[in-house]
């Protein structure tokens, strides 16, 4: 493994929250390395530290102690604006709550990041239509989120995360609000897209369907890595 293959790295990562003076240790000494093109899942029960770890490696939260690198750069040394620009240009987020903008059409929701990046209109349209075809949503580009089912909204959220061709897709419990058939179909699509594009996928989950499809399981327990399994 060369350094240029490493896209996410943490070293002795700790995160402690305090509420009413009482400390909660969300992460305890996490050492982790993720390479480009992985299809990995950070798994564990609720409260094991999965979402906290995802938030720190994306720069949405900061560690109490330890270091985290993103694309070879120490996150704590990247300024606020530069970090938000990096997230915009290189990280796609998929959330369990979809987080679509209800007043925008499907196409407008998906192209929003590219609009911020200054991608020309014709290219934006072309990329959106290509992804809608990949995700089985042809003909839905003018609909708004309230006119879609939960599964369709999550497909739009996946398209929005992927359309700017980021280096990394971070997905926090992406199947939590979906029935098993829809969730299974979307996971198979994401795995196909991972193989086709080489994008790095990191899931935070306790969903068995994601665990079955992930090529690597990073198992957290009480804020520490209990096991790190690479599957064939």
Protein backbone atom coordinates (compact mmCIF):
# COMPACT_ATOMS: atom_id res chain seq x y z
CA UNK A 1 0.00 0.00 0.00
CA UNK A 2 1.47 3.35 -0.99
CA UNK A 3 0.67 6.61 0.76
CA UNK A 4 -1.20 7.91 -2.27
CA UNK A 5 -3.67 5.00 -1.98
CA UNK A 6 -4.67 6.03 1.56
CA UNK A 7 -7.67 8.35 1.47
CA UNK A 8 -8.70 8.37 5.16
CA UNK A 9 -6.50 7.75 8.17
CA UNK A 10 -6.94 8.14 11.93
CA UNK A 11 -4.38 7.80 14.70
CA UNK A 12 -5.24 7.33 18.38
CA UNK A 13 -8.57 9.12 17.91
CA UNK A 14 -10.56 10.03 21.01
CA UNK A 15 -13.84 11.91 21.33
CA UNK A 16 -15.40 12.83 24.66
CA UNK A 17 -18.67 14.70 25.03
CA UNK A 18 -19.68 16.37 28.26
CA UNK A 19 -23.26 16.87 29.34
CA UNK A 20 -23.91 18.50 32.71
CA UNK A 21 -20.27 17.87 33.53
CA UNK A 22 -20.61 14.12 32.93
CA UNK A 23 -18.20 12.78 30.25
CA UNK A 24 -19.31 10.33 27.56
CA UNK A 25 -16.43 8.60 25.76
CA UNK A 26 -17.70 8.22 22.18
CA UNK A 27 -14.34 7.14 20.69
CA UNK A 28 -11.39 5.57 22.48
CA UNK A 29 -8.10 5.36 20.57
CA UNK A 30 -9.31 4.54 17.04
CA UNK A 31 -6.55 3.72 14.51
CA UNK A 32 -7.93 3.19 11.00
CA UNK A 33 -6.74 3.41 7.40
CA UNK A 34 -9.05 3.38 4.37
CA UNK A 35 -7.73 3.12 0.82
CA UNK A 36 -9.16 4.47 -2.43
CA UNK A 37 -11.88 2.34 -3.97
CA UNK A 38 -12.88 0.50 -0.77
CA UNK A 39 -16.48 -0.53 -0.08
CA UNK A 40 -16.32 -0.62 3.72
CA UNK A 41 -18.72 -0.51 6.63
CA UNK A 42 -18.16 0.83 10.14
CA UNK A 43 -20.52 -1.32 12.17
CA UNK A 44 -21.67 -1.72 15.74
CA UNK A 45 -24.69 -1.19 17.99
CA UNK A 46 -26.20 2.24 18.69
CA UNK A 47 -23.83 4.25 20.86
CA UNK A 48 -20.71 2.42 19.64
CA UNK A 49 -19.29 5.59 18.03
CA UNK A 50 -20.03 4.94 14.33
CA UNK A 51 -21.60 8.31 13.46
CA UNK A 52 -19.06 10.20 15.60
CA UNK A 53 -16.22 8.54 13.65
CA UNK A 54 -17.90 9.37 10.33
CA UNK A 55 -18.35 13.01 11.39
CA UNK A 56 -14.69 13.35 12.42
CA UNK A 57 -13.24 11.83 9.24
CA UNK A 58 -15.41 14.22 7.17
CA UNK A 59 -14.39 17.25 9.24
CA UNK A 60 -17.95 17.85 10.49
CA UNK A 61 -16.73 17.30 14.06
CA UNK A 62 -13.31 17.45 15.69
CA UNK A 63 -11.51 14.93 17.88
CA UNK A 64 -10.78 15.53 21.57
CA UNK A 65 -7.40 13.87 21.06
CA UNK A 66 -5.55 12.18 18.20
CA UNK A 67 -5.25 12.90 14.48
CA UNK A 68 -7.30 12.38 11.34
CA UNK A 69 -6.16 12.78 7.72
CA UNK A 70 -8.35 13.24 4.66
CA UNK A 71 -6.78 12.89 1.22
CA UNK A 72 -3.34 13.00 2.83
CA UNK A 73 -3.99 16.24 4.74
CA UNK A 74 -4.29 16.64 8.49
CA UNK A 75 -7.88 17.79 9.02
CA UNK A 76 -7.04 19.95 12.06
CA UNK A 77 -4.71 22.04 9.87
CA UNK A 78 -7.31 22.78 7.16
CA UNK A 79 -9.10 26.10 7.64
CA UNK A 80 -12.91 26.31 7.92
CA UNK A 81 -13.58 27.57 4.38
CA UNK A 82 -11.00 25.30 2.80
CA UNK A 83 -12.47 22.33 4.65
CA UNK A 84 -16.02 23.13 3.54
CA UNK A 85 -14.75 23.54 -0.06
CA UNK A 86 -12.97 20.18 0.22
CA UNK A 87 -16.16 18.52 1.45
CA UNK A 88 -18.15 20.13 -1.38
CA UNK A 89 -15.70 18.98 -4.06
CA UNK A 90 -14.49 15.60 -2.77
CA UNK A 91 -17.07 14.07 -0.39
CA UNK A 92 -20.60 12.91 -1.13
CA UNK A 93 -22.92 12.45 1.85
CA UNK A 94 -25.90 10.07 2.04
CA UNK A 95 -28.08 10.37 5.16
CA UNK A 96 -30.93 8.20 6.44
CA UNK A 97 -33.24 11.27 6.36
CA UNK A 98 -32.48 11.97 2.62
CA UNK A 99 -32.07 15.76 3.28
CA UNK A 100 -33.51 16.76 -0.08
CA UNK A 101 -34.76 20.31 -0.67
CA UNK A 102 -38.56 19.91 -1.03
CA UNK A 103 -39.17 22.97 -3.24
CA UNK A 104 -36.58 21.90 -5.83
CA UNK A 105 -37.16 19.33 -8.57
CA UNK A 106 -35.26 16.05 -8.67
CA UNK A 107 -32.88 17.49 -11.27
CA UNK A 108 -32.33 20.69 -9.24
CA UNK A 109 -31.63 18.70 -6.07
CA UNK A 110 -29.08 16.51 -7.82
CA UNK A 111 -27.30 19.33 -9.67
CA UNK A 112 -27.11 21.65 -6.63
CA UNK A 113 -23.49 20.79 -5.69
CA UNK A 114 -22.36 21.14 -9.32
CA UNK A 115 -24.03 24.57 -9.39
CA UNK A 116 -21.84 25.60 -6.43
CA UNK A 117 -18.81 24.18 -8.24
CA UNK A 118 -19.52 26.23 -11.37
CA UNK A 119 -20.08 23.25 -13.68
CA UNK A 120 -21.66 24.45 -16.99
CA UNK A 121 -25.41 23.89 -17.38
CA UNK A 122 -25.17 21.44 -20.31
CA UNK A 123 -22.69 19.24 -18.44
CA UNK A 124 -24.82 19.36 -15.28
CA UNK A 125 -27.86 18.19 -17.23
CA UNK A 126 -25.93 15.42 -18.97
CA UNK A 127 -24.49 14.07 -15.70
CA UNK A 128 -27.88 14.19 -13.94
CA UNK A 129 -29.64 12.33 -16.77
CA UNK A 130 -26.93 9.66 -16.88
CA UNK A 131 -27.25 8.98 -13.13
CA UNK A 132 -31.05 8.99 -13.23
CA UNK A 133 -30.82 6.25 -15.86
CA UNK A 134 -28.33 4.27 -13.71
CA UNK A 135 -30.69 4.57 -10.73
CA UNK A 136 -33.90 3.75 -12.60
CA UNK A 137 -35.37 7.27 -12.29
CA UNK A 138 -35.69 8.31 -15.94
CA UNK A 139 -38.67 10.62 -16.37
CA UNK A 140 -38.64 11.78 -12.74
CA UNK A 141 -36.37 14.81 -13.21
CA UNK A 142 -39.18 17.40 -12.96
CA UNK A 143 -40.88 15.88 -9.90
CA UNK A 144 -40.36 17.26 -6.40
CA UNK A 145 -39.39 15.13 -3.35
CA UNK A 146 -42.91 15.05 -1.81
CA UNK A 147 -44.12 13.36 -5.02
CA UNK A 148 -41.65 10.46 -4.57
CA UNK A 149 -41.61 7.32 -2.43
CA UNK A 150 -38.96 6.90 0.28
CA UNK A 151 -36.92 4.60 -1.95
CA UNK A 152 -37.07 7.07 -4.84
CA UNK A 153 -36.01 9.93 -2.55
CA UNK A 154 -33.02 7.91 -1.34
CA UNK A 155 -32.07 7.21 -4.98
CA UNK A 156 -32.12 10.96 -5.60
CA UNK A 157 -29.95 11.45 -2.50
CA UNK A 158 -27.48 8.85 -3.84
CA UNK A 159 -27.43 10.59 -7.24
CA UNK A 160 -26.81 13.95 -5.54
CA UNK A 161 -23.91 12.45 -3.54
CA UNK A 162 -22.30 10.89 -6.61
CA UNK A 163 -22.96 13.38 -9.41
CA UNK A 164 -20.00 15.65 -8.62
CA UNK A 165 -17.73 12.56 -8.84
CA UNK A 166 -16.28 12.86 -5.33
CA UNK A 167 -13.39 10.78 -4.05
CA UNK A 168 -15.41 9.49 -1.09
CA UNK A 169 -19.06 8.67 -0.38
CA UNK A 170 -19.91 8.67 3.34
CA UNK A 171 -23.26 7.01 4.05
CA UNK A 172 -24.76 7.16 7.55
CA UNK A 173 -27.43 4.43 7.97
CA UNK A 174 -28.61 4.95 4.34
CA UNK A 175 -31.10 2.06 4.45
CA UNK A 176 -32.66 2.86 7.85
CA UNK A 177 -35.92 4.26 6.44
CA UNK A 178 -36.30 1.81 3.56
CA UNK A 179 -38.02 -1.56 3.23
CA UNK A 180 -35.66 -4.49 2.74
CA UNK A 181 -36.33 -4.91 -1.01
CA UNK A 182 -35.66 -1.22 -1.79
CA UNK A 183 -32.63 -1.15 0.51
CA UNK A 184 -31.21 -4.26 -1.11
CA UNK A 185 -31.65 -2.86 -4.64
CA UNK A 186 -29.99 0.45 -3.69
CA UNK A 187 -27.03 -1.29 -2.04
CA UNK A 188 -26.51 -3.44 -5.14
CA UNK A 189 -26.57 -0.26 -7.24
CA UNK A 190 -24.03 1.42 -4.97
CA UNK A 191 -21.73 -1.58 -5.14
CA UNK A 192 -22.01 -1.61 -8.95
CA UNK A 193 -21.25 2.13 -9.06
CA UNK A 194 -18.25 1.55 -6.76
CA UNK A 195 -16.92 -1.10 -9.15
CA UNK A 196 -17.64 1.07 -12.20
CA UNK A 197 -16.22 4.37 -10.91
CA UNK A 198 -13.68 3.40 -8.22
CA UNK A 199 -15.27 5.80 -5.71
CA UNK A 200 -14.58 5.00 -2.07
CA UNK A 201 -17.68 4.08 -0.04
CA UNK A 202 -17.71 4.14 3.77
CA UNK A 203 -20.97 3.18 5.51
CA UNK A 204 -21.94 3.64 9.14
CA UNK A 205 -24.54 1.01 9.93
CA UNK A 206 -25.94 -1.85 11.93
CA UNK A 207 -27.92 -3.15 8.92
CA UNK A 208 -27.06 -6.77 8.09
CA UNK A 209 -27.70 -6.15 4.35
CA UNK A 210 -24.87 -3.60 4.23
CA UNK A 211 -22.59 -5.86 6.28
CA UNK A 212 -23.21 -8.72 3.84
CA UNK A 213 -22.23 -6.57 0.84
CA UNK A 214 -19.29 -4.65 2.34
CA UNK A 215 -15.84 -5.94 1.44
CA UNK A 216 -14.51 -4.83 4.83
CA UNK A 217 -16.12 -4.57 8.27
CA UNK A 218 -14.66 -2.24 10.89
CA UNK A 219 -16.46 -3.35 14.06
CA UNK A 220 -16.77 -0.79 16.84
CA UNK A 221 -17.65 -1.53 20.43
CA UNK A 222 -17.76 1.13 23.14
CA UNK A 223 -15.85 3.56 20.93
CA UNK A 224 -12.94 1.24 20.09
CA UNK A 225 -12.24 -1.05 17.13
CA UNK A 226 -13.03 -4.58 18.27
CA UNK A 227 -12.31 -6.23 14.93
CA UNK A 228 -11.27 -5.24 11.38
CA UNK A 229 -12.26 -7.90 8.84
CA UNK A 230 -11.41 -7.88 5.14
CA UNK A 231 -13.64 -10.19 3.12
CA UNK A 232 -12.76 -11.90 -0.13
